[in-house]
Amino acid sequence: MLIKQKDYINFALIGCGRISEKHVNAIKQTPKTKLIAVCDVQEEKAKALASTLQCEAYSDYKEMLKKDDIDIIDICTPNGMHASIAIDVANAGKHVLLEKPMALTVEDCDRMMKACKDNDVHLFVVKQNRFNPPITKLREAIERGRFGKLVLGNVTVRWARPQDYYDLDEWHGSRDMDGGMLFTQASHHVDMLQWMMGPVHSVKANVATLTHNIETEDTAVVVIKFKNGALGVVEATTCTFPKNMEGSITILGEKGTAKIGGMAMNKIDHWEFSDFRNEDENTKECTTNPPNVYGYGHNEVIRHVVDSLLHNGPMVGGVGGEEGRKSVKLIEAIYESADTGKEVFLD
């Protein structure tokens, strides 16, 4: 459903916590957008943000849903709340934008997608790292077949989250609201690996809770078999001392090798192909220096959301419900493998 007879999009936001700042700034910096309402169960938090934005504040999102002039609602709540809120938003006839992960189960993803389809509204999932310039360049190399036969894909997340981080909000590190380190910290990297390497055949995983007092894992190692025959590895932890060290993806093929490194997949560490091109000498131009692991991609996400709603433009990077569901399905299989000690097949 397009937003007809309008030249701008009215946004509202649910959840005024840590990640909301990135969303607010992206909406403010994107043409043809207005942020007209914010909501948080902690009323003072919503009021404080609303006062700086000069918009309405709510503590009950269901009351906010009654506003007729809201076009799309941006959901930045704890992970475990995504599904129920998104379904309510869709049933209210408003488009849905979700922070990652889309949900904590495939079943919830399917319920959300059905609600959006039934109500003729769009569902967008934030995958901001797909818009990083080095990642864009890597994706182009994949699509052009420059790697030849894919051999091995690896993502590494070596980040630091002190116990204070988990203690700050009670939902962090909980099974029902957080889901786990793979959902909250590493889901972008899991998404990136399968986006580059292709559909997954099976996973074999080990997870552990090593340095934190939390319900979920803080460290994971996963071996992946892709349907094209290639192998993959996910190495992720929030136990890195003393600070964030690396967030990277490496792709090895018979005709090329590339590593996108940095703290947030933000720079090209290695770039070499058998079919050398002049553009290969300009890899430094792709480097970005984000102040934190979130990067700069939220602006591009919002821009493409607006273009899609106003002009039926394509969602570059495919950040719709189907793509959001893929990483949830893979992470769900990883946990099943870790729990059972068996290889889990996704076919």
C-alpha atoms as a PDB file:
ATOM      1  CA  MET A   1       0.000   0.000   0.000  1.00  0.00           C
ATOM      2  CA  LEU A   2       1.458   3.329  -1.069  1.00  0.00           C
ATOM      3  CA  ILE A   3       0.991   6.538   0.899  1.00  0.00           C
ATOM      4  CA  LYS A   4      -1.200   8.327  -1.599  1.00  0.00           C
ATOM      5  CA  GLN A   5      -1.669  12.048  -2.149  1.00  0.00           C
ATOM      6  CA  LYS A   6       1.147  12.976   0.221  1.00  0.00           C
ATOM      7  CA  ASP A   7       4.703  14.147  -0.251  1.00  0.00           C
ATOM      8  CA  TYR A   8       5.949  13.178   3.222  1.00  0.00           C
ATOM      9  CA  ILE A   9       5.744  10.298   5.712  1.00  0.00           C
ATOM     10  CA  ASN A  10       4.577  10.662   9.323  1.00  0.00           C
ATOM     11  CA  PHE A  11       6.619   8.454  11.648  1.00  0.00           C
ATOM     12  CA  ALA A  12       5.919   7.441  15.219  1.00  0.00           C
ATOM     13  CA  LEU A  13       8.357   5.567  17.447  1.00  0.00           C
ATOM     14  CA  ILE A  14       7.812   2.949  20.149  1.00  0.00           C
ATOM     15  CA  GLY A  15      10.694   2.432  22.567  1.00  0.00           C
ATOM     16  CA  CYS A  16      12.882   5.375  23.625  1.00  0.00           C
ATOM     17  CA  GLY A  17      15.906   3.374  24.758  1.00  0.00           C
ATOM     18  CA  ARG A  18      19.508   2.999  23.610  1.00  0.00           C
ATOM     19  CA  ILE A  19      18.944   2.425  19.877  1.00  0.00           C
ATOM     20  CA  SER A  20      16.166   4.991  19.457  1.00  0.00           C
ATOM     21  CA  GLU A  21      18.683   7.828  19.089  1.00  0.00           C
ATOM     22  CA  LYS A  22      19.940   6.339  15.821  1.00  0.00           C
ATOM     23  CA  HIS A  23      16.395   6.102  14.488  1.00  0.00           C
ATOM     24  CA  VAL A  24      15.400   9.580  15.584  1.00  0.00           C
ATOM     25  CA  ASN A  25      18.469  11.135  13.983  1.00  0.00           C
ATOM     26  CA  ALA A  26      17.944   9.172  10.773  1.00  0.00           C
ATOM     27  CA  ILE A  27      14.306  10.261  10.517  1.00  0.00           C
ATOM     28  CA  LYS A  28      15.228  13.883  11.202  1.00  0.00           C
ATOM     29  CA  GLN A  29      17.933  13.840   8.534  1.00  0.00           C
ATOM     30  CA  THR A  30      15.790  12.196   5.856  1.00  0.00           C
ATOM     31  CA  PRO A  31      13.761  14.463   3.541  1.00  0.00           C
ATOM     32  CA  LYS A  32       9.990  14.020   3.384  1.00  0.00           C
ATOM     33  CA  THR A  33       9.681  12.698   6.939  1.00  0.00           C
ATOM     34  CA  LYS A  34       8.080  13.923  10.156  1.00  0.00           C
ATOM     35  CA  LEU A  35       8.350  12.296  13.586  1.00  0.00           C
ATOM     36  CA  ILE A  36       5.023  13.177  15.182  1.00  0.00           C
ATOM     37  CA  ALA A  37       4.832  10.905  18.250  1.00  0.00           C
ATOM     38  CA  VAL A  38       6.984   8.782  20.569  1.00  0.00           C
ATOM     39  CA  CYS A  39       6.042   6.156  23.139  1.00  0.00           C
ATOM     40  CA  ASP A  40       7.702   4.366  26.032  1.00  0.00           C
ATOM     41  CA  VAL A  41       6.306   2.493  29.030  1.00  0.00           C
ATOM     42  CA  GLN A  42       8.515   4.770  31.117  1.00  0.00           C
ATOM     43  CA  GLU A  43       6.431   7.898  30.630  1.00  0.00           C
ATOM     44  CA  GLU A  44       9.138  10.330  31.680  1.00  0.00           C
ATOM     45  CA  LYS A  45      11.494   8.908  29.086  1.00  0.00           C
ATOM     46  CA  ALA A  46       8.892   9.438  26.357  1.00  0.00           C
ATOM     47  CA  LYS A  47       8.129  12.962  27.555  1.00  0.00           C
ATOM     48  CA  ALA A  48      11.805  13.917  27.653  1.00  0.00           C
ATOM     49  CA  LEU A  49      12.356  12.797  24.062  1.00  0.00           C
ATOM     50  CA  ALA A  50       9.102  14.351  22.883  1.00  0.00           C
ATOM     51  CA  SER A  51      10.043  17.704  24.388  1.00  0.00           C
ATOM     52  CA  THR A  52      13.239  17.830  22.329  1.00  0.00           C
ATOM     53  CA  LEU A  53      11.375  16.819  19.170  1.00  0.00           C
ATOM     54  CA  GLN A  54       8.289  18.940  19.814  1.00  0.00           C
ATOM     55  CA  CYS A  55       5.981  16.005  19.246  1.00  0.00           C
ATOM     56  CA  GLU A  56       3.404  14.028  21.250  1.00  0.00           C
ATOM     57  CA  ALA A  57       4.385  11.582  24.009  1.00  0.00           C
ATOM     58  CA  TYR A  58       2.609   8.369  24.997  1.00  0.00           C
ATOM     59  CA  SER A  59       3.139   5.631  27.574  1.00  0.00           C
ATOM     60  CA  ASP A  60       0.578   3.285  25.978  1.00  0.00           C
ATOM     61  CA  TYR A  61       1.277   2.481  22.346  1.00  0.00           C
ATOM     62  CA  LYS A  62      -2.301   1.300  21.802  1.00  0.00           C
ATOM     63  CA  GLU A  63      -3.470   4.831  22.528  1.00  0.00           C
ATOM     64  CA  MET A  64      -0.920   6.147  20.045  1.00  0.00           C
ATOM     65  CA  LEU A  65      -2.262   3.774  17.399  1.00  0.00           C
ATOM     66  CA  LYS A  66      -5.521   5.732  17.451  1.00  0.00           C
ATOM     67  CA  LYS A  67      -3.789   8.704  15.792  1.00  0.00           C
ATOM     68  CA  ASP A  68      -5.070   8.740  12.221  1.00  0.00           C
ATOM     69  CA  ASP A  69      -2.168  10.755  10.824  1.00  0.00           C
ATOM     70  CA  ILE A  70       0.564   8.191  11.595  1.00  0.00           C
ATOM     71  CA  ASP A  71       1.766   6.404   8.447  1.00  0.00           C
ATOM     72  CA  ILE A  72       4.456   4.101   9.845  1.00  0.00           C
ATOM     73  CA  ILE A  73       5.540   3.062  13.322  1.00  0.00           C
ATOM     74  CA  ASP A  74       9.199   2.419  14.125  1.00  0.00           C
ATOM     75  CA  ILE A  75       9.529  -0.296  16.787  1.00  0.00           C
ATOM     76  CA  CYS A  76      12.654  -0.082  18.974  1.00  0.00           C
ATOM     77  CA  THR A  77      11.484  -2.131  21.955  1.00  0.00           C
ATOM     78  CA  PRO A  78      13.121  -5.182  23.568  1.00  0.00           C
ATOM     79  CA  ASN A  79      13.311  -8.042  21.077  1.00  0.00           C
ATOM     80  CA  GLY A  80      10.665 -10.202  22.715  1.00  0.00           C
ATOM     81  CA  MET A  81       8.026  -7.497  22.263  1.00  0.00           C
ATOM     82  CA  HIS A  82       8.501  -7.052  18.519  1.00  0.00           C
ATOM     83  CA  ALA A  83       5.939  -9.585  17.351  1.00  0.00           C
ATOM     84  CA  SER A  84       2.956  -8.568  19.482  1.00  0.00           C
ATOM     85  CA  ILE A  85       3.477  -4.848  18.875  1.00  0.00           C
ATOM     86  CA  ALA A  86       4.036  -5.271  15.134  1.00  0.00           C
ATOM     87  CA  ILE A  87       0.835  -7.276  14.791  1.00  0.00           C
ATOM     88  CA  ASP A  88      -1.122  -4.582  16.675  1.00  0.00           C
ATOM     89  CA  VAL A  89       0.411  -1.897  14.456  1.00  0.00           C
ATOM     90  CA  ALA A  90      -0.494  -3.806  11.286  1.00  0.00           C
ATOM     91  CA  ASN A  91      -4.038  -4.403  12.511  1.00  0.00           C
ATOM     92  CA  ALA A  92      -4.309  -0.645  13.046  1.00  0.00           C
ATOM     93  CA  GLY A  93      -3.541  -0.193   9.337  1.00  0.00           C
ATOM     94  CA  LYS A  94      -0.105   1.339   9.782  1.00  0.00           C
ATOM     95  CA  HIS A  95       3.169   0.298   8.165  1.00  0.00           C
ATOM     96  CA  VAL A  96       5.779  -1.409  10.347  1.00  0.00           C
ATOM     97  CA  LEU A  97       9.506  -0.714  10.725  1.00  0.00           C
ATOM     98  CA  LEU A  98      11.372  -3.034  13.109  1.00  0.00           C
ATOM     99  CA  GLU A  99      14.794  -2.962  14.671  1.00  0.00           C
ATOM    100  CA  LYS A 100      16.634  -6.272  14.450  1.00  0.00           C
ATOM    101  CA  PRO A 101      15.989  -9.016  15.182  1.00  0.00           C
ATOM    102  CA  MET A 102      12.624  -9.223  13.452  1.00  0.00           C
ATOM    103  CA  ALA A 103      11.436 -11.573  16.232  1.00  0.00           C
ATOM    104  CA  LEU A 104      12.771 -14.379  18.404  1.00  0.00           C
ATOM    105  CA  THR A 105      11.002 -17.246  16.602  1.00  0.00           C
ATOM    106  CA  VAL A 106      10.124 -18.096  13.010  1.00  0.00           C
ATOM    107  CA  GLU A 107       6.549 -18.653  14.159  1.00  0.00           C
ATOM    108  CA  ASP A 108       6.346 -15.033  15.298  1.00  0.00           C
ATOM    109  CA  CYS A 109       7.889 -13.844  12.027  1.00  0.00           C
ATOM    110  CA  ASP A 110       5.177 -15.676  10.102  1.00  0.00           C
ATOM    111  CA  ARG A 111       2.438 -14.204  12.299  1.00  0.00           C
ATOM    112  CA  MET A 112       3.792 -10.696  11.717  1.00  0.00           C
ATOM    113  CA  MET A 113       4.066 -11.175   7.971  1.00  0.00           C
ATOM    114  CA  LYS A 114       0.519 -12.525   7.780  1.00  0.00           C
ATOM    115  CA  ALA A 115      -0.859  -9.573   9.761  1.00  0.00           C
ATOM    116  CA  CYS A 116       0.881  -7.119   7.443  1.00  0.00           C
ATOM    117  CA  LYS A 117      -0.339  -8.926   4.333  1.00  0.00           C
ATOM    118  CA  ASP A 118      -3.899  -9.152   5.655  1.00  0.00           C
ATOM    119  CA  ASN A 119      -3.924  -5.403   6.365  1.00  0.00           C
ATOM    120  CA  ASP A 120      -2.126  -4.391   3.153  1.00  0.00           C
ATOM    121  CA  VAL A 121       0.766  -2.702   4.955  1.00  0.00           C
ATOM    122  CA  HIS A 122       4.523  -2.984   4.487  1.00  0.00           C
ATOM    123  CA  LEU A 123       6.908  -4.648   6.937  1.00  0.00           C
ATOM    124  CA  PHE A 124      10.498  -3.377   6.996  1.00  0.00           C
ATOM    125  CA  VAL A 125      13.356  -4.793   9.093  1.00  0.00           C
ATOM    126  CA  VAL A 126      16.429  -2.718   9.930  1.00  0.00           C
ATOM    127  CA  LYS A 127      19.557  -4.239   8.378  1.00  0.00           C
ATOM    128  CA  GLN A 128      21.648  -1.083   8.352  1.00  0.00           C
ATOM    129  CA  ASN A 129      24.993  -2.812   7.798  1.00  0.00           C
ATOM    130  CA  ARG A 130      23.847  -3.894   4.344  1.00  0.00           C
ATOM    131  CA  PHE A 131      24.250  -0.235   3.385  1.00  0.00           C
ATOM    132  CA  ASN A 132      27.862   0.134   4.594  1.00  0.00           C
ATOM    133  CA  PRO A 133      29.963   1.217   1.564  1.00  0.00           C
ATOM    134  CA  PRO A 134      32.452  -1.681   1.965  1.00  0.00           C
ATOM    135  CA  ILE A 135      29.555  -4.142   2.261  1.00  0.00           C
ATOM    136  CA  THR A 136      27.912  -2.675  -0.835  1.00  0.00           C
ATOM    137  CA  LYS A 137      31.176  -3.210  -2.719  1.00  0.00           C
ATOM    138  CA  LEU A 138      31.428  -6.793  -1.427  1.00  0.00           C
ATOM    139  CA  ARG A 139      27.861  -7.562  -2.475  1.00  0.00           C
ATOM    140  CA  GLU A 140      28.561  -6.230  -5.971  1.00  0.00           C
ATOM    141  CA  ALA A 141      31.588  -8.536  -6.230  1.00  0.00           C
ATOM    142  CA  ILE A 142      29.423 -11.495  -5.180  1.00  0.00           C
ATOM    143  CA  GLU A 143      26.710 -10.626  -7.722  1.00  0.00           C
ATOM    144  CA  ARG A 144      29.275 -10.232 -10.515  1.00  0.00           C
ATOM    145  CA  GLY A 145      30.720 -13.660  -9.749  1.00  0.00           C
ATOM    146  CA  ARG A 146      34.190 -12.275  -9.058  1.00  0.00           C
ATOM    147  CA  PHE A 147      34.883 -14.866  -6.345  1.00  0.00           C
ATOM    148  CA  GLY A 148      34.171 -17.768  -8.663  1.00  0.00           C
ATOM    149  CA  LYS A 149      33.211 -20.834  -6.654  1.00  0.00           C
ATOM    150  CA  LEU A 150      32.636 -19.821  -3.043  1.00  0.00           C
ATOM    151  CA  VAL A 151      34.772 -21.779  -0.571  1.00  0.00           C
ATOM    152  CA  LEU A 152      34.534 -20.316   2.921  1.00  0.00           C
ATOM    153  CA  GLY A 153      32.696 -17.481   4.655  1.00  0.00           C
ATOM    154  CA  ASN A 154      33.472 -16.248   8.148  1.00  0.00           C
ATOM    155  CA  VAL A 155      31.982 -13.606  10.438  1.00  0.00           C
ATOM    156  CA  THR A 156      33.709 -12.537  13.634  1.00  0.00           C
ATOM    157  CA  VAL A 157      32.105 -10.509  16.408  1.00  0.00           C
ATOM    158  CA  ARG A 158      34.572  -9.700  19.173  1.00  0.00           C
ATOM    159  CA  TRP A 159      32.724  -7.127  21.209  1.00  0.00           C
ATOM    160  CA  ALA A 160      32.741  -6.126  24.858  1.00  0.00           C
ATOM    161  CA  ARG A 161      29.646  -5.861  27.015  1.00  0.00           C
ATOM    162  CA  PRO A 162      30.453  -5.456  30.723  1.00  0.00           C
ATOM    163  CA  GLN A 163      28.096  -6.814  33.343  1.00  0.00           C
ATOM    164  CA  ASP A 164      26.904  -3.244  33.870  1.00  0.00           C
ATOM    165  CA  TYR A 165      25.412  -3.322  30.359  1.00  0.00           C
ATOM    166  CA  TYR A 166      23.285  -6.340  31.233  1.00  0.00           C
ATOM    167  CA  ASP A 167      22.330  -4.942  34.625  1.00  0.00           C
ATOM    168  CA  LEU A 168      21.276  -1.549  33.232  1.00  0.00           C
ATOM    169  CA  ASP A 169      18.039  -2.913  31.728  1.00  0.00           C
ATOM    170  CA  GLU A 170      16.538  -6.091  33.118  1.00  0.00           C
ATOM    171  CA  TRP A 171      15.649  -7.425  29.659  1.00  0.00           C
ATOM    172  CA  HIS A 172      19.289  -7.579  28.502  1.00  0.00           C
ATOM    173  CA  GLY A 173      20.515 -11.165  28.699  1.00  0.00           C
ATOM    174  CA  SER A 174      17.054 -12.597  29.355  1.00  0.00           C
ATOM    175  CA  ARG A 175      15.697 -15.452  27.263  1.00  0.00           C
ATOM    176  CA  ASP A 176      12.203 -14.098  26.676  1.00  0.00           C
ATOM    177  CA  MET A 177      13.027 -10.446  25.911  1.00  0.00           C
ATOM    178  CA  ASP A 178      16.656 -10.451  24.693  1.00  0.00           C
ATOM    179  CA  GLY A 179      16.891 -13.908  23.167  1.00  0.00           C
ATOM    180  CA  GLY A 180      20.663 -14.126  23.375  1.00  0.00           C
ATOM    181  CA  MET A 181      23.906 -12.633  22.142  1.00  0.00           C
ATOM    182  CA  LEU A 182      23.353 -14.065  18.661  1.00  0.00           C
ATOM    183  CA  PHE A 183      20.067 -12.180  18.384  1.00  0.00           C
ATOM    184  CA  THR A 184      21.070  -8.905  20.014  1.00  0.00           C
ATOM    185  CA  GLN A 185      24.725  -8.437  19.059  1.00  0.00           C
ATOM    186  CA  ALA A 186      25.525 -10.860  16.213  1.00  0.00           C
ATOM    187  CA  SER A 187      22.321 -11.037  14.176  1.00  0.00           C
ATOM    188  CA  HIS A 188      23.607  -8.470  11.664  1.00  0.00           C
ATOM    189  CA  HIS A 189      26.671 -10.625  11.052  1.00  0.00           C
ATOM    190  CA  VAL A 190      24.666 -13.838  10.766  1.00  0.00           C
ATOM    191  CA  ASP A 191      22.433 -12.038   8.271  1.00  0.00           C
ATOM    192  CA  MET A 192      25.445 -10.765   6.356  1.00  0.00           C
ATOM    193  CA  LEU A 193      27.038 -14.200   6.066  1.00  0.00           C
ATOM    194  CA  GLN A 194      23.997 -15.854   4.535  1.00  0.00           C
ATOM    195  CA  TRP A 195      23.285 -12.804   2.331  1.00  0.00           C
ATOM    196  CA  MET A 196      26.724 -13.181   0.792  1.00  0.00           C
ATOM    197  CA  MET A 197      27.133 -16.973   0.814  1.00  0.00           C
ATOM    198  CA  GLY A 198      23.602 -18.074  -0.061  1.00  0.00           C
ATOM    199  CA  PRO A 199      21.007 -20.449   1.422  1.00  0.00           C
ATOM    200  CA  VAL A 200      22.057 -22.588   4.388  1.00  0.00           C
ATOM    201  CA  HIS A 201      21.949 -26.391   4.338  1.00  0.00           C
ATOM    202  CA  SER A 202      22.851 -27.153   7.970  1.00  0.00           C
ATOM    203  CA  VAL A 203      24.446 -25.836  11.172  1.00  0.00           C
ATOM    204  CA  LYS A 204      26.441 -27.347  14.022  1.00  0.00           C
ATOM    205  CA  ALA A 205      26.904 -25.071  17.030  1.00  0.00           C
ATOM    206  CA  ASN A 206      28.313 -24.643  20.514  1.00  0.00           C
ATOM    207  CA  VAL A 207      27.325 -21.787  22.808  1.00  0.00           C
ATOM    208  CA  ALA A 208      28.381 -20.899  26.352  1.00  0.00           C
ATOM    209  CA  THR A 209      27.922 -18.334  29.106  1.00  0.00           C
ATOM    210  CA  LEU A 210      31.448 -17.627  30.278  1.00  0.00           C
ATOM    211  CA  THR A 211      31.888 -14.255  31.981  1.00  0.00           C
ATOM    212  CA  HIS A 212      28.432 -12.786  32.566  1.00  0.00           C
ATOM    213  CA  ASN A 213      25.628 -13.400  35.024  1.00  0.00           C
ATOM    214  CA  ILE A 214      22.855 -13.741  32.421  1.00  0.00           C
ATOM    215  CA  GLU A 215      20.320 -16.344  31.247  1.00  0.00           C
ATOM    216  CA  THR A 216      21.619 -16.480  27.675  1.00  0.00           C
ATOM    217  CA  GLU A 217      24.933 -17.186  25.966  1.00  0.00           C
ATOM    218  CA  ASP A 218      27.743 -14.648  25.694  1.00  0.00           C
ATOM    219  CA  THR A 219      29.906 -16.733  23.331  1.00  0.00           C
ATOM    220  CA  ALA A 220      29.148 -18.896  20.295  1.00  0.00           C
ATOM    221  CA  VAL A 221      30.990 -20.828  17.590  1.00  0.00           C
ATOM    222  CA  VAL A 222      28.987 -22.158  14.638  1.00  0.00           C
ATOM    223  CA  VAL A 223      29.946 -24.257  11.608  1.00  0.00           C
ATOM    224  CA  ILE A 224      27.665 -23.800   8.604  1.00  0.00           C
ATOM    225  CA  LYS A 225      27.228 -25.841   5.428  1.00  0.00           C
ATOM    226  CA  PHE A 226      25.751 -23.851   2.558  1.00  0.00           C
ATOM    227  CA  LYS A 227      23.646 -25.369  -0.201  1.00  0.00           C
ATOM    228  CA  ASN A 228      26.277 -24.378  -2.782  1.00  0.00           C
ATOM    229  CA  GLY A 229      28.816 -26.626  -1.024  1.00  0.00           C
ATOM    230  CA  ALA A 230      30.763 -23.846   0.704  1.00  0.00           C
ATOM    231  CA  LEU A 231      31.413 -23.830   4.439  1.00  0.00           C
ATOM    232  CA  GLY A 232      31.058 -21.032   6.953  1.00  0.00           C
ATOM    233  CA  VAL A 233      31.984 -20.114  10.505  1.00  0.00           C
ATOM    234  CA  VAL A 234      30.348 -17.737  12.978  1.00  0.00           C
ATOM    235  CA  GLU A 235      32.535 -16.702  15.910  1.00  0.00           C
ATOM    236  CA  ALA A 236      30.835 -14.276  18.275  1.00  0.00           C
ATOM    237  CA  THR A 237      31.294 -13.069  21.839  1.00  0.00           C
ATOM    238  CA  THR A 238      30.570 -10.161  24.152  1.00  0.00           C
ATOM    239  CA  CYS A 239      33.464 -11.198  26.430  1.00  0.00           C
ATOM    240  CA  THR A 240      36.248  -9.324  24.619  1.00  0.00           C
ATOM    241  CA  PHE A 241      38.612  -7.457  26.970  1.00  0.00           C
ATOM    242  CA  PRO A 242      38.693  -4.544  27.456  1.00  0.00           C
ATOM    243  CA  LYS A 243      36.637  -3.065  24.579  1.00  0.00           C
ATOM    244  CA  ASN A 244      35.108  -3.807  21.185  1.00  0.00           C
ATOM    245  CA  MET A 245      37.778  -5.277  18.924  1.00  0.00           C
ATOM    246  CA  GLU A 246      36.281  -6.465  15.649  1.00  0.00           C
ATOM    247  CA  GLY A 247      33.105  -6.957  13.648  1.00  0.00           C
ATOM    248  CA  SER A 248      34.104  -8.511  10.332  1.00  0.00           C
ATOM    249  CA  ILE A 249      33.174 -10.716   7.411  1.00  0.00           C
ATOM    250  CA  THR A 250      35.654 -12.650   5.244  1.00  0.00           C
ATOM    251  CA  ILE A 251      34.779 -14.345   1.960  1.00  0.00           C
ATOM    252  CA  LEU A 252      37.127 -16.822   0.245  1.00  0.00           C
ATOM    253  CA  GLY A 253      36.518 -18.043  -3.285  1.00  0.00           C
ATOM    254  CA  GLU A 254      38.518 -19.827  -5.960  1.00  0.00           C
ATOM    255  CA  LYS A 255      39.166 -16.513  -7.735  1.00  0.00           C
ATOM    256  CA  GLY A 256      39.021 -13.935  -4.959  1.00  0.00           C
ATOM    257  CA  THR A 257      39.542 -13.112  -1.292  1.00  0.00           C
ATOM    258  CA  ALA A 258      38.036 -10.203   0.636  1.00  0.00           C
ATOM    259  CA  LYS A 259      37.748  -9.162   4.255  1.00  0.00           C
ATOM    260  CA  ILE A 260      35.540  -6.338   5.479  1.00  0.00           C
ATOM    261  CA  GLY A 261      36.796  -5.506   8.940  1.00  0.00           C
ATOM    262  CA  GLY A 262      36.858  -2.708  11.429  1.00  0.00           C
ATOM    263  CA  MET A 263      34.672  -2.593  14.490  1.00  0.00           C
ATOM    264  CA  ALA A 264      31.451  -2.677  12.477  1.00  0.00           C
ATOM    265  CA  MET A 265      32.190  -4.073   8.997  1.00  0.00           C
ATOM    266  CA  ASN A 266      33.228  -0.555   8.034  1.00  0.00           C
ATOM    267  CA  LYS A 267      36.544  -0.913   6.174  1.00  0.00           C
ATOM    268  CA  ILE A 268      38.190  -3.143   3.580  1.00  0.00           C
ATOM    269  CA  ASP A 269      41.095  -5.031   5.150  1.00  0.00           C
ATOM    270  CA  HIS A 270      41.811  -7.257   2.166  1.00  0.00           C
ATOM    271  CA  TRP A 271      40.625  -7.133  -1.456  1.00  0.00           C
ATOM    272  CA  GLU A 272      42.197  -9.343  -4.147  1.00  0.00           C
ATOM    273  CA  PHE A 273      40.765 -10.963  -7.281  1.00  0.00           C
ATOM    274  CA  SER A 274      42.165 -12.783 -10.275  1.00  0.00           C
ATOM    275  CA  ASP A 275      40.350 -10.381 -12.637  1.00  0.00           C
ATOM    276  CA  PHE A 276      42.013  -7.166 -11.457  1.00  0.00           C
ATOM    277  CA  ARG A 277      40.041  -3.986 -12.126  1.00  0.00           C
ATOM    278  CA  ASN A 278      41.041  -0.350 -11.712  1.00  0.00           C
ATOM    279  CA  GLU A 279      38.321   0.076  -9.085  1.00  0.00           C
ATOM    280  CA  ASP A 280      40.187  -2.430  -6.900  1.00  0.00           C
ATOM    281  CA  GLU A 281      42.813   0.231  -6.167  1.00  0.00           C
ATOM    282  CA  ASN A 282      40.278   2.522  -4.499  1.00  0.00           C
ATOM    283  CA  THR A 283      39.262   0.382  -1.550  1.00  0.00           C
ATOM    284  CA  LYS A 284      40.217   3.053   0.996  1.00  0.00           C
ATOM    285  CA  GLU A 285      37.469   5.285  -0.379  1.00  0.00           C
ATOM    286  CA  CYS A 286      34.927   2.838   1.037  1.00  0.00           C
ATOM    287  CA  THR A 287      36.197   3.151   4.607  1.00  0.00           C
ATOM    288  CA  THR A 288      33.924   4.752   7.173  1.00  0.00           C
ATOM    289  CA  ASN A 289      34.729   5.589  10.791  1.00  0.00           C
ATOM    290  CA  PRO A 290      31.533   5.239  12.806  1.00  0.00           C
ATOM    291  CA  PRO A 291      31.629   6.305  16.465  1.00  0.00           C
ATOM    292  CA  ASN A 292      30.074   3.013  17.545  1.00  0.00           C
ATOM    293  CA  VAL A 293      29.090  -0.438  16.288  1.00  0.00           C
ATOM    294  CA  TYR A 294      25.768   0.816  14.882  1.00  0.00           C
ATOM    295  CA  GLY A 295      27.472   2.507  11.926  1.00  0.00           C
ATOM    296  CA  TYR A 296      25.799   5.039   9.644  1.00  0.00           C
ATOM    297  CA  GLY A 297      23.368   2.808   7.775  1.00  0.00           C
ATOM    298  CA  HIS A 298      20.155   3.796   9.572  1.00  0.00           C
ATOM    299  CA  ASN A 299      19.918   6.906   7.385  1.00  0.00           C
ATOM    300  CA  GLU A 300      19.920   4.754   4.263  1.00  0.00           C
ATOM    301  CA  VAL A 301      17.330   2.394   5.748  1.00  0.00           C
ATOM    302  CA  ILE A 302      14.940   5.275   6.449  1.00  0.00           C
ATOM    303  CA  ARG A 303      15.567   6.826   3.045  1.00  0.00           C
ATOM    304  CA  HIS A 304      14.682   3.597   1.265  1.00  0.00           C
ATOM    305  CA  VAL A 305      11.625   3.055   3.473  1.00  0.00           C
ATOM    306  CA  VAL A 306      10.338   6.515   2.521  1.00  0.00           C
ATOM    307  CA  ASP A 307      11.046   5.928  -1.168  1.00  0.00           C
ATOM    308  CA  SER A 308       9.245   2.605  -1.027  1.00  0.00           C
ATOM    309  CA  LEU A 309       6.150   4.086   0.617  1.00  0.00           C
ATOM    310  CA  LEU A 310       5.912   7.233  -1.506  1.00  0.00           C
ATOM    311  CA  HIS A 311       7.062   5.947  -4.873  1.00  0.00           C
ATOM    312  CA  ASN A 312       6.990   2.149  -4.658  1.00  0.00           C
ATOM    313  CA  GLY A 313      10.771   2.252  -4.907  1.00  0.00           C
ATOM    314  CA  PRO A 314      12.832  -0.902  -4.435  1.00  0.00           C
ATOM    315  CA  MET A 315      14.120  -1.758  -0.993  1.00  0.00           C
ATOM    316  CA  VAL A 316      17.831  -1.934  -1.762  1.00  0.00           C
ATOM    317  CA  GLY A 317      19.330  -4.736   0.293  1.00  0.00           C
ATOM    318  CA  GLY A 318      15.998  -6.521   0.484  1.00  0.00           C
ATOM    319  CA  VAL A 319      15.218  -5.501   4.046  1.00  0.00           C
ATOM    320  CA  GLY A 320      11.653  -6.770   4.093  1.00  0.00           C
ATOM    321  CA  GLY A 321       9.997  -9.445   6.185  1.00  0.00           C
ATOM    322  CA  GLU A 322      11.298 -12.376   4.137  1.00  0.00           C
ATOM    323  CA  GLU A 323      14.905 -11.280   4.627  1.00  0.00           C
ATOM    324  CA  GLY A 324      14.355 -10.579   8.309  1.00  0.00           C
ATOM    325  CA  ARG A 325      12.899 -14.065   8.741  1.00  0.00           C
ATOM    326  CA  LYS A 326      15.975 -15.765   7.242  1.00  0.00           C
ATOM    327  CA  SER A 327      18.363 -14.717  10.010  1.00  0.00           C
ATOM    328  CA  VAL A 328      15.792 -15.594  12.697  1.00  0.00           C
ATOM    329  CA  LYS A 329      15.409 -19.069  11.187  1.00  0.00           C
ATOM    330  CA  LEU A 330      19.179 -19.557  11.100  1.00  0.00           C
ATOM    331  CA  ILE A 331      19.713 -18.394  14.676  1.00  0.00           C
ATOM    332  CA  GLU A 332      16.820 -20.568  15.848  1.00  0.00           C
ATOM    333  CA  ALA A 333      18.545 -23.558  14.203  1.00  0.00           C
ATOM    334  CA  ILE A 334      21.859 -22.611  15.852  1.00  0.00           C
ATOM    335  CA  TYR A 335      20.252 -22.714  19.294  1.00  0.00           C
ATOM    336  CA  GLU A 336      18.589 -26.034  18.501  1.00  0.00           C
ATOM    337  CA  SER A 337      21.965 -27.481  17.509  1.00  0.00           C
ATOM    338  CA  ALA A 338      23.623 -26.142  20.649  1.00  0.00           C
ATOM    339  CA  ASP A 339      20.838 -27.589  22.823  1.00  0.00           C
ATOM    340  CA  THR A 340      20.801 -31.030  21.202  1.00  0.00           C
ATOM    341  CA  GLY A 341      24.464 -31.362  20.262  1.00  0.00           C
ATOM    342  CA  LYS A 342      23.370 -32.401  16.766  1.00  0.00           C
ATOM    343  CA  GLU A 343      23.670 -30.980  13.281  1.00  0.00           C
ATOM    344  CA  VAL A 344      20.430 -29.209  12.347  1.00  0.00           C
ATOM    345  CA  PHE A 345      19.219 -29.114   8.765  1.00  0.00           C
ATOM    346  CA  LEU A 346      17.366 -26.093   7.397  1.00  0.00           C
ATOM    347  CA  ASP A 347      16.151 -27.564   4.102  1.00  0.00           C
END
